[in-house]
Amino acid sequence: SKVGSAGLIMAIVGGALMPKLQGMI
């Protein structure tokens, strides 16, 4: 869970990438 939790927190990168793409649209 300690390592798995990191993967799920790293997934927050979706909040960096997708708004950038939306801004481009």
mmCIF file of all heavy atoms, coordinates in Angstrom:
data_MODEL
# 
_entry.id   MODEL 
# 
loop_
_atom_site.group_PDB 
_atom_site.id 
_atom_site.type_symbol 
_atom_site.label_atom_id 
_atom_site.label_alt_id 
_atom_site.label_comp_id 
_atom_site.label_asym_id 
_atom_site.label_entity_id 
_atom_site.label_seq_id 
_atom_site.pdbx_PDB_ins_code 
_atom_site.Cartn_x 
_atom_site.Cartn_y 
_atom_site.Cartn_z 
_atom_site.occupancy 
_atom_site.B_iso_or_equiv 
_atom_site.pdbx_formal_charge 
_atom_site.auth_seq_id 
_atom_site.auth_comp_id 
_atom_site.auth_asym_id 
_atom_site.auth_atom_id 
_atom_site.pdbx_PDB_model_num 
ATOM 1   N N   . SER A 1 1  ? 0.826   -1.211 0.000   1.00 0.00 ? 1  SER A N   1 
ATOM 2   C CA  . SER A 1 1  ? 0.000   0.000  0.000   1.00 0.00 ? 1  SER A CA  1 
ATOM 3   C C   . SER A 1 1  ? 0.858   1.258  0.000   1.00 0.00 ? 1  SER A C   1 
ATOM 4   O O   . SER A 1 1  ? 0.498   2.257  -0.617  1.00 0.00 ? 1  SER A O   1 
ATOM 5   C CB  . SER A 1 1  ? -0.938  0.018  1.216   1.00 0.00 ? 1  SER A CB  1 
ATOM 6   O OG  . SER A 1 1  ? -1.932  -0.982 1.085   1.00 0.00 ? 1  SER A OG  1 
ATOM 7   N N   . LYS A 1 2  ? 1.993   1.224  0.705   1.00 0.00 ? 2  LYS A N   1 
ATOM 8   C CA  . LYS A 1 2  ? 2.864   2.408  0.741   1.00 0.00 ? 2  LYS A CA  1 
ATOM 9   C C   . LYS A 1 2  ? 3.374   2.741  -0.661  1.00 0.00 ? 2  LYS A C   1 
ATOM 10  O O   . LYS A 1 2  ? 3.389   3.903  -1.068  1.00 0.00 ? 2  LYS A O   1 
ATOM 11  C CB  . LYS A 1 2  ? 4.045   2.176  1.690   1.00 0.00 ? 2  LYS A CB  1 
ATOM 12  C CG  . LYS A 1 2  ? 3.682   2.265  3.159   1.00 0.00 ? 2  LYS A CG  1 
ATOM 13  C CD  . LYS A 1 2  ? 4.909   2.090  4.034   1.00 0.00 ? 2  LYS A CD  1 
ATOM 14  C CE  . LYS A 1 2  ? 4.566   2.259  5.513   1.00 0.00 ? 2  LYS A CE  1 
ATOM 15  N NZ  . LYS A 1 2  ? 5.754   2.092  6.386   1.00 0.00 ? 2  LYS A NZ  1 
ATOM 16  N N   . VAL A 1 3  ? 3.795   1.710  -1.393  1.00 0.00 ? 3  VAL A N   1 
ATOM 17  C CA  . VAL A 1 3  ? 4.281   1.929  -2.758  1.00 0.00 ? 3  VAL A CA  1 
ATOM 18  C C   . VAL A 1 3  ? 3.099   2.156  -3.701  1.00 0.00 ? 3  VAL A C   1 
ATOM 19  O O   . VAL A 1 3  ? 3.147   3.026  -4.576  1.00 0.00 ? 3  VAL A O   1 
ATOM 20  C CB  . VAL A 1 3  ? 5.129   0.736  -3.232  1.00 0.00 ? 3  VAL A CB  1 
ATOM 21  C CG1 . VAL A 1 3  ? 5.620   0.958  -4.660  1.00 0.00 ? 3  VAL A CG1 1 
ATOM 22  C CG2 . VAL A 1 3  ? 6.319   0.524  -2.298  1.00 0.00 ? 3  VAL A CG2 1 
ATOM 23  N N   . GLY A 1 4  ? 2.036   1.385  -3.506  1.00 0.00 ? 4  GLY A N   1 
ATOM 24  C CA  . GLY A 1 4  ? 0.852   1.537  -4.345  1.00 0.00 ? 4  GLY A CA  1 
ATOM 25  C C   . GLY A 1 4  ? 0.217   2.901  -4.199  1.00 0.00 ? 4  GLY A C   1 
ATOM 26  O O   . GLY A 1 4  ? -0.296  3.477  -5.166  1.00 0.00 ? 4  GLY A O   1 
ATOM 27  N N   . SER A 1 5  ? 0.263   3.432  -2.993  1.00 0.00 ? 5  SER A N   1 
ATOM 28  C CA  . SER A 1 5  ? -0.259  4.768  -2.746  1.00 0.00 ? 5  SER A CA  1 
ATOM 29  C C   . SER A 1 5  ? 0.484   5.796  -3.587  1.00 0.00 ? 5  SER A C   1 
ATOM 30  O O   . SER A 1 5  ? -0.119  6.735  -4.127  1.00 0.00 ? 5  SER A O   1 
ATOM 31  C CB  . SER A 1 5  ? -0.117  5.118  -1.259  1.00 0.00 ? 5  SER A CB  1 
ATOM 32  O OG  . SER A 1 5  ? -0.467  6.452  -1.021  1.00 0.00 ? 5  SER A OG  1 
ATOM 33  N N   . ALA A 1 6  ? 1.796   5.601  -3.738  1.00 0.00 ? 6  ALA A N   1 
ATOM 34  C CA  . ALA A 1 6  ? 2.591   6.535  -4.534  1.00 0.00 ? 6  ALA A CA  1 
ATOM 35  C C   . ALA A 1 6  ? 2.114   6.557  -5.978  1.00 0.00 ? 6  ALA A C   1 
ATOM 36  O O   . ALA A 1 6  ? 2.027   7.616  -6.602  1.00 0.00 ? 6  ALA A O   1 
ATOM 37  C CB  . ALA A 1 6  ? 4.063   6.146  -4.479  1.00 0.00 ? 6  ALA A CB  1 
ATOM 38  N N   . GLY A 1 7  ? 1.805   5.376  -6.527  1.00 0.00 ? 7  GLY A N   1 
ATOM 39  C CA  . GLY A 1 7  ? 1.305   5.317  -7.893  1.00 0.00 ? 7  GLY A CA  1 
ATOM 40  C C   . GLY A 1 7  ? 0.006   6.074  -8.054  1.00 0.00 ? 7  GLY A C   1 
ATOM 41  O O   . GLY A 1 7  ? -0.207  6.773  -9.055  1.00 0.00 ? 7  GLY A O   1 
ATOM 42  N N   . LEU A 1 8  ? -0.866  5.971  -7.058  1.00 0.00 ? 8  LEU A N   1 
ATOM 43  C CA  . LEU A 1 8  ? -2.161  6.659  -7.123  1.00 0.00 ? 8  LEU A CA  1 
ATOM 44  C C   . LEU A 1 8  ? -2.001  8.165  -6.928  1.00 0.00 ? 8  LEU A C   1 
ATOM 45  O O   . LEU A 1 8  ? -2.786  8.950  -7.482  1.00 0.00 ? 8  LEU A O   1 
ATOM 46  C CB  . LEU A 1 8  ? -3.108  6.079  -6.065  1.00 0.00 ? 8  LEU A CB  1 
ATOM 47  C CG  . LEU A 1 8  ? -3.591  4.660  -6.385  1.00 0.00 ? 8  LEU A CG  1 
ATOM 48  C CD1 . LEU A 1 8  ? -4.143  3.987  -5.128  1.00 0.00 ? 8  LEU A CD1 1 
ATOM 49  C CD2 . LEU A 1 8  ? -4.646  4.678  -7.482  1.00 0.00 ? 8  LEU A CD2 1 
ATOM 50  N N   . ILE A 1 9  ? -1.011  8.583  -6.141  1.00 0.00 ? 9  ILE A N   1 
ATOM 51  C CA  . ILE A 1 9  ? -0.748  10.014 -5.991  1.00 0.00 ? 9  ILE A CA  1 
ATOM 52  C C   . ILE A 1 9  ? -0.048  10.552 -7.242  1.00 0.00 ? 9  ILE A C   1 
ATOM 53  O O   . ILE A 1 9  ? -0.340  11.668 -7.691  1.00 0.00 ? 9  ILE A O   1 
ATOM 54  C CB  . ILE A 1 9  ? 0.110   10.285 -4.734  1.00 0.00 ? 9  ILE A CB  1 
ATOM 55  C CG1 . ILE A 1 9  ? -0.644  9.830  -3.472  1.00 0.00 ? 9  ILE A CG1 1 
ATOM 56  C CG2 . ILE A 1 9  ? 0.444   11.766 -4.628  1.00 0.00 ? 9  ILE A CG2 1 
ATOM 57  C CD1 . ILE A 1 9  ? -2.018  10.444 -3.294  1.00 0.00 ? 9  ILE A CD1 1 
ATOM 58  N N   . MET A 1 10 ? 0.847   9.762  -7.832  1.00 0.00 ? 10 MET A N   1 
ATOM 59  C CA  . MET A 1 10 ? 1.464   10.168 -9.094  1.00 0.00 ? 10 MET A CA  1 
ATOM 60  C C   . MET A 1 10 ? 0.404   10.361 -10.178 1.00 0.00 ? 10 MET A C   1 
ATOM 61  O O   . MET A 1 10 ? 0.575   11.171 -11.093 1.00 0.00 ? 10 MET A O   1 
ATOM 62  C CB  . MET A 1 10 ? 2.494   9.126  -9.547  1.00 0.00 ? 10 MET A CB  1 
ATOM 63  C CG  . MET A 1 10 ? 3.764   9.089  -8.710  1.00 0.00 ? 10 MET A CG  1 
ATOM 64  S SD  . MET A 1 10 ? 4.872   7.738  -9.166  1.00 0.00 ? 10 MET A SD  1 
ATOM 65  C CE  . MET A 1 10 ? 5.511   8.354  -10.725 1.00 0.00 ? 10 MET A CE  1 
ATOM 66  N N   . ALA A 1 11 ? -0.686  9.624  -10.059 1.00 0.00 ? 11 ALA A N   1 
ATOM 67  C CA  . ALA A 1 11 ? -1.778  9.730  -11.035 1.00 0.00 ? 11 ALA A CA  1 
ATOM 68  C C   . ALA A 1 11 ? -2.409  11.118 -11.032 1.00 0.00 ? 11 ALA A C   1 
ATOM 69  O O   . ALA A 1 11 ? -3.109  11.487 -11.982 1.00 0.00 ? 11 ALA A O   1 
ATOM 70  C CB  . ALA A 1 11 ? -2.839  8.662  -10.752 1.00 0.00 ? 11 ALA A CB  1 
ATOM 71  N N   . ILE A 1 12 ? -2.153  11.876 -9.980  1.00 0.00 ? 12 ILE A N   1 
ATOM 72  C CA  . ILE A 1 12 ? -2.661  13.250 -9.917  1.00 0.00 ? 12 ILE A CA  1 
ATOM 73  C C   . ILE A 1 12 ? -2.071  14.090 -11.044 1.00 0.00 ? 12 ILE A C   1 
ATOM 74  O O   . ILE A 1 12 ? -2.570  15.177 -11.341 1.00 0.00 ? 12 ILE A O   1 
ATOM 75  C CB  . ILE A 1 12 ? -2.384  13.847 -8.513  1.00 0.00 ? 12 ILE A CB  1 
ATOM 76  C CG1 . ILE A 1 12 ? -3.248  13.133 -7.468  1.00 0.00 ? 12 ILE A CG1 1 
ATOM 77  C CG2 . ILE A 1 12 ? -2.659  15.339 -8.458  1.00 0.00 ? 12 ILE A CG2 1 
ATOM 78  C CD1 . ILE A 1 12 ? -2.979  13.547 -6.030  1.00 0.00 ? 12 ILE A CD1 1 
ATOM 79  N N   . VAL A 1 13 ? -1.028  13.559 -11.706 1.00 0.00 ? 13 VAL A N   1 
ATOM 80  C CA  . VAL A 1 13 ? -0.444  14.260 -12.852 1.00 0.00 ? 13 VAL A CA  1 
ATOM 81  C C   . VAL A 1 13 ? -1.493  14.507 -13.936 1.00 0.00 ? 13 VAL A C   1 
ATOM 82  O O   . VAL A 1 13 ? -1.329  15.385 -14.786 1.00 0.00 ? 13 VAL A O   1 
ATOM 83  C CB  . VAL A 1 13 ? 0.759   13.475 -13.430 1.00 0.00 ? 13 VAL A CB  1 
ATOM 84  C CG1 . VAL A 1 13 ? 0.296   12.255 -14.221 1.00 0.00 ? 13 VAL A CG1 1 
ATOM 85  C CG2 . VAL A 1 13 ? 1.627   14.377 -14.297 1.00 0.00 ? 13 VAL A CG2 1 
ATOM 86  N N   . GLY A 1 14 ? -2.582  13.760 -13.892 1.00 0.00 ? 14 GLY A N   1 
ATOM 87  C CA  . GLY A 1 14 ? -3.690  14.023 -14.819 1.00 0.00 ? 14 GLY A CA  1 
ATOM 88  C C   . GLY A 1 14 ? -4.187  15.448 -14.686 1.00 0.00 ? 14 GLY A C   1 
ATOM 89  O O   . GLY A 1 14 ? -4.650  16.054 -15.663 1.00 0.00 ? 14 GLY A O   1 
ATOM 90  N N   . GLY A 1 15 ? -4.070  15.995 -13.484 1.00 0.00 ? 15 GLY A N   1 
ATOM 91  C CA  . GLY A 1 15 ? -4.472  17.377 -13.240 1.00 0.00 ? 15 GLY A CA  1 
ATOM 92  C C   . GLY A 1 15 ? -3.511  18.380 -13.828 1.00 0.00 ? 15 GLY A C   1 
ATOM 93  O O   . GLY A 1 15 ? -3.824  19.574 -13.915 1.00 0.00 ? 15 GLY A O   1 
ATOM 94  N N   . ALA A 1 16 ? -2.318  17.934 -14.228 1.00 0.00 ? 16 ALA A N   1 
ATOM 95  C CA  . ALA A 1 16 ? -1.359  18.814 -14.894 1.00 0.00 ? 16 ALA A CA  1 
ATOM 96  C C   . ALA A 1 16 ? -1.508  18.746 -16.407 1.00 0.00 ? 16 ALA A C   1 
ATOM 97  O O   . ALA A 1 16 ? -1.490  19.767 -17.090 1.00 0.00 ? 16 ALA A O   1 
ATOM 98  C CB  . ALA A 1 16 ? 0.073   18.425 -14.498 1.00 0.00 ? 16 ALA A CB  1 
ATOM 99  N N   . LEU A 1 17 ? -1.663  17.536 -16.920 1.00 0.00 ? 17 LEU A N   1 
ATOM 100 C CA  . LEU A 1 17 ? -1.653  17.333 -18.369 1.00 0.00 ? 17 LEU A CA  1 
ATOM 101 C C   . LEU A 1 17 ? -2.968  17.700 -19.051 1.00 0.00 ? 17 LEU A C   1 
ATOM 102 O O   . LEU A 1 17 ? -2.974  18.377 -20.086 1.00 0.00 ? 17 LEU A O   1 
ATOM 103 C CB  . LEU A 1 17 ? -1.296  15.869 -18.667 1.00 0.00 ? 17 LEU A CB  1 
ATOM 104 C CG  . LEU A 1 17 ? 0.043   15.367 -18.122 1.00 0.00 ? 17 LEU A CG  1 
ATOM 105 C CD1 . LEU A 1 17 ? 0.224   13.887 -18.435 1.00 0.00 ? 17 LEU A CD1 1 
ATOM 106 C CD2 . LEU A 1 17 ? 1.195   16.177 -18.693 1.00 0.00 ? 17 LEU A CD2 1 
ATOM 107 N N   . MET A 1 18 ? -4.066  17.263 -18.474 1.00 0.00 ? 18 MET A N   1 
ATOM 108 C CA  . MET A 1 18 ? -5.348  17.435 -19.174 1.00 0.00 ? 18 MET A CA  1 
ATOM 109 C C   . MET A 1 18 ? -5.827  18.888 -19.212 1.00 0.00 ? 18 MET A C   1 
ATOM 110 O O   . MET A 1 18 ? -6.345  19.342 -20.238 1.00 0.00 ? 18 MET A O   1 
ATOM 111 C CB  . MET A 1 18 ? -6.393  16.495 -18.584 1.00 0.00 ? 18 MET A CB  1 
ATOM 112 C CG  . MET A 1 18 ? -5.984  15.034 -18.701 1.00 0.00 ? 18 MET A CG  1 
ATOM 113 S SD  . MET A 1 18 ? -7.273  13.844 -18.328 1.00 0.00 ? 18 MET A SD  1 
ATOM 114 C CE  . MET A 1 18 ? -8.210  13.885 -19.850 1.00 0.00 ? 18 MET A CE  1 
ATOM 115 N N   . PRO A 1 19 ? -5.665  19.686 -18.143 1.00 0.00 ? 19 PRO A N   1 
ATOM 116 C CA  . PRO A 1 19 ? -6.024  21.114 -18.261 1.00 0.00 ? 19 PRO A CA  1 
ATOM 117 C C   . PRO A 1 19 ? -5.188  21.842 -19.307 1.00 0.00 ? 19 PRO A C   1 
ATOM 118 O O   . PRO A 1 19 ? -5.673  22.763 -19.959 1.00 0.00 ? 19 PRO A O   1 
ATOM 119 C CB  . PRO A 1 19 ? -5.758  21.653 -16.848 1.00 0.00 ? 19 PRO A CB  1 
ATOM 120 C CG  . PRO A 1 19 ? -5.910  20.478 -15.963 1.00 0.00 ? 19 PRO A CG  1 
ATOM 121 C CD  . PRO A 1 19 ? -5.341  19.332 -16.758 1.00 0.00 ? 19 PRO A CD  1 
ATOM 122 N N   . LYS A 1 20 ? -3.916  21.430 -19.442 1.00 0.00 ? 20 LYS A N   1 
ATOM 123 C CA  . LYS A 1 20 ? -3.060  22.024 -20.470 1.00 0.00 ? 20 LYS A CA  1 
ATOM 124 C C   . LYS A 1 20 ? -3.649  21.751 -21.853 1.00 0.00 ? 20 LYS A C   1 
ATOM 125 O O   . LYS A 1 20 ? -3.725  22.648 -22.706 1.00 0.00 ? 20 LYS A O   1 
ATOM 126 C CB  . LYS A 1 20 ? -1.657  21.445 -20.354 1.00 0.00 ? 20 LYS A CB  1 
ATOM 127 C CG  . LYS A 1 20 ? -0.634  22.001 -21.362 1.00 0.00 ? 20 LYS A CG  1 
ATOM 128 C CD  . LYS A 1 20 ? -0.239  23.419 -21.026 1.00 0.00 ? 20 LYS A CD  1 
ATOM 129 C CE  . LYS A 1 20 ? 0.917   23.882 -21.899 1.00 0.00 ? 20 LYS A CE  1 
ATOM 130 N NZ  . LYS A 1 20 ? 1.229   25.313 -21.695 1.00 0.00 ? 20 LYS A NZ  1 
ATOM 131 N N   . LEU A 1 21 ? -4.097  20.523 -22.078 1.00 0.00 ? 21 LEU A N   1 
ATOM 132 C CA  . LEU A 1 21 ? -4.716  20.151 -23.349 1.00 0.00 ? 21 LEU A CA  1 
ATOM 133 C C   . LEU A 1 21 ? -6.023  20.900 -23.554 1.00 0.00 ? 21 LEU A C   1 
ATOM 134 O O   . LEU A 1 21 ? -6.321  21.374 -24.662 1.00 0.00 ? 21 LEU A O   1 
ATOM 135 C CB  . LEU A 1 21 ? -4.951  18.635 -23.382 1.00 0.00 ? 21 LEU A CB  1 
ATOM 136 C CG  . LEU A 1 21 ? -5.549  18.045 -24.664 1.00 0.00 ? 21 LEU A CG  1 
ATOM 137 C CD1 . LEU A 1 21 ? -4.689  18.391 -25.874 1.00 0.00 ? 21 LEU A CD1 1 
ATOM 138 C CD2 . LEU A 1 21 ? -5.685  16.526 -24.529 1.00 0.00 ? 21 LEU A CD2 1 
ATOM 139 N N   . GLN A 1 22 ? -6.806  21.044 -22.466 1.00 0.00 ? 22 GLN A N   1 
ATOM 140 C CA  . GLN A 1 22 ? -8.049  21.794 -22.579 1.00 0.00 ? 22 GLN A CA  1 
ATOM 141 C C   . GLN A 1 22 ? -7.776  23.261 -22.911 1.00 0.00 ? 22 GLN A C   1 
ATOM 142 O O   . GLN A 1 22 ? -8.495  23.867 -23.716 1.00 0.00 ? 22 GLN A O   1 
ATOM 143 C CB  . GLN A 1 22 ? -8.859  21.692 -21.280 1.00 0.00 ? 22 GLN A CB  1 
ATOM 144 C CG  . GLN A 1 22 ? -10.265 22.304 -21.414 1.00 0.00 ? 22 GLN A CG  1 
ATOM 145 C CD  . GLN A 1 22 ? -11.107 22.124 -20.171 1.00 0.00 ? 22 GLN A CD  1 
ATOM 146 O OE1 . GLN A 1 22 ? -10.598 21.793 -19.096 1.00 0.00 ? 22 GLN A OE1 1 
ATOM 147 N NE2 . GLN A 1 22 ? -12.398 22.348 -20.276 1.00 0.00 ? 22 GLN A NE2 1 
ATOM 148 N N   . GLY A 1 23 ? -6.742  23.829 -22.305 1.00 0.00 ? 23 GLY A N   1 
ATOM 149 C CA  . GLY A 1 23 ? -6.364  25.213 -22.614 1.00 0.00 ? 23 GLY A CA  1 
ATOM 150 C C   . GLY A 1 23 ? -6.003  25.379 -24.080 1.00 0.00 ? 23 GLY A C   1 
ATOM 151 O O   . GLY A 1 23 ? -6.332  26.393 -24.703 1.00 0.00 ? 23 GLY A O   1 
ATOM 152 N N   . MET A 1 24 ? -5.351  24.379 -24.647 1.00 0.00 ? 24 MET A N   1 
ATOM 153 C CA  . MET A 1 24 ? -4.989  24.418 -26.063 1.00 0.00 ? 24 MET A CA  1 
ATOM 154 C C   . MET A 1 24 ? -6.241  24.396 -26.946 1.00 0.00 ? 24 MET A C   1 
ATOM 155 O O   . MET A 1 24 ? -6.299  25.072 -27.978 1.00 0.00 ? 24 MET A O   1 
ATOM 156 C CB  . MET A 1 24 ? -4.064  23.253 -26.406 1.00 0.00 ? 24 MET A CB  1 
ATOM 157 C CG  . MET A 1 24 ? -2.691  23.345 -25.754 1.00 0.00 ? 24 MET A CG  1 
ATOM 158 S SD  . MET A 1 24 ? -1.703  21.829 -25.894 1.00 0.00 ? 24 MET A SD  1 
ATOM 159 C CE  . MET A 1 24 ? -1.422  21.798 -27.672 1.00 0.00 ? 24 MET A CE  1 
ATOM 160 N N   . ILE A 1 25 ? -7.249  23.624 -26.535 1.00 0.00 ? 25 ILE A N   1 
ATOM 161 C CA  . ILE A 1 25 ? -8.505  23.592 -27.291 1.00 0.00 ? 25 ILE A CA  1 
ATOM 162 C C   . ILE A 1 25 ? -9.187  24.957 -27.225 1.00 0.00 ? 25 ILE A C   1 
ATOM 163 O O   . ILE A 1 25 ? -9.674  25.478 -28.236 1.00 0.00 ? 25 ILE A O   1 
ATOM 164 C CB  . ILE A 1 25 ? -9.443  22.492 -26.741 1.00 0.00 ? 25 ILE A CB  1 
ATOM 165 C CG1 . ILE A 1 25 ? -8.854  21.100 -27.003 1.00 0.00 ? 25 ILE A CG1 1 
ATOM 166 C CG2 . ILE A 1 25 ? -10.831 22.601 -27.378 1.00 0.00 ? 25 ILE A CG2 1 
ATOM 167 C CD1 . ILE A 1 25 ? -9.633  19.967 -26.372 1.00 0.00 ? 25 ILE A CD1 1 
# 
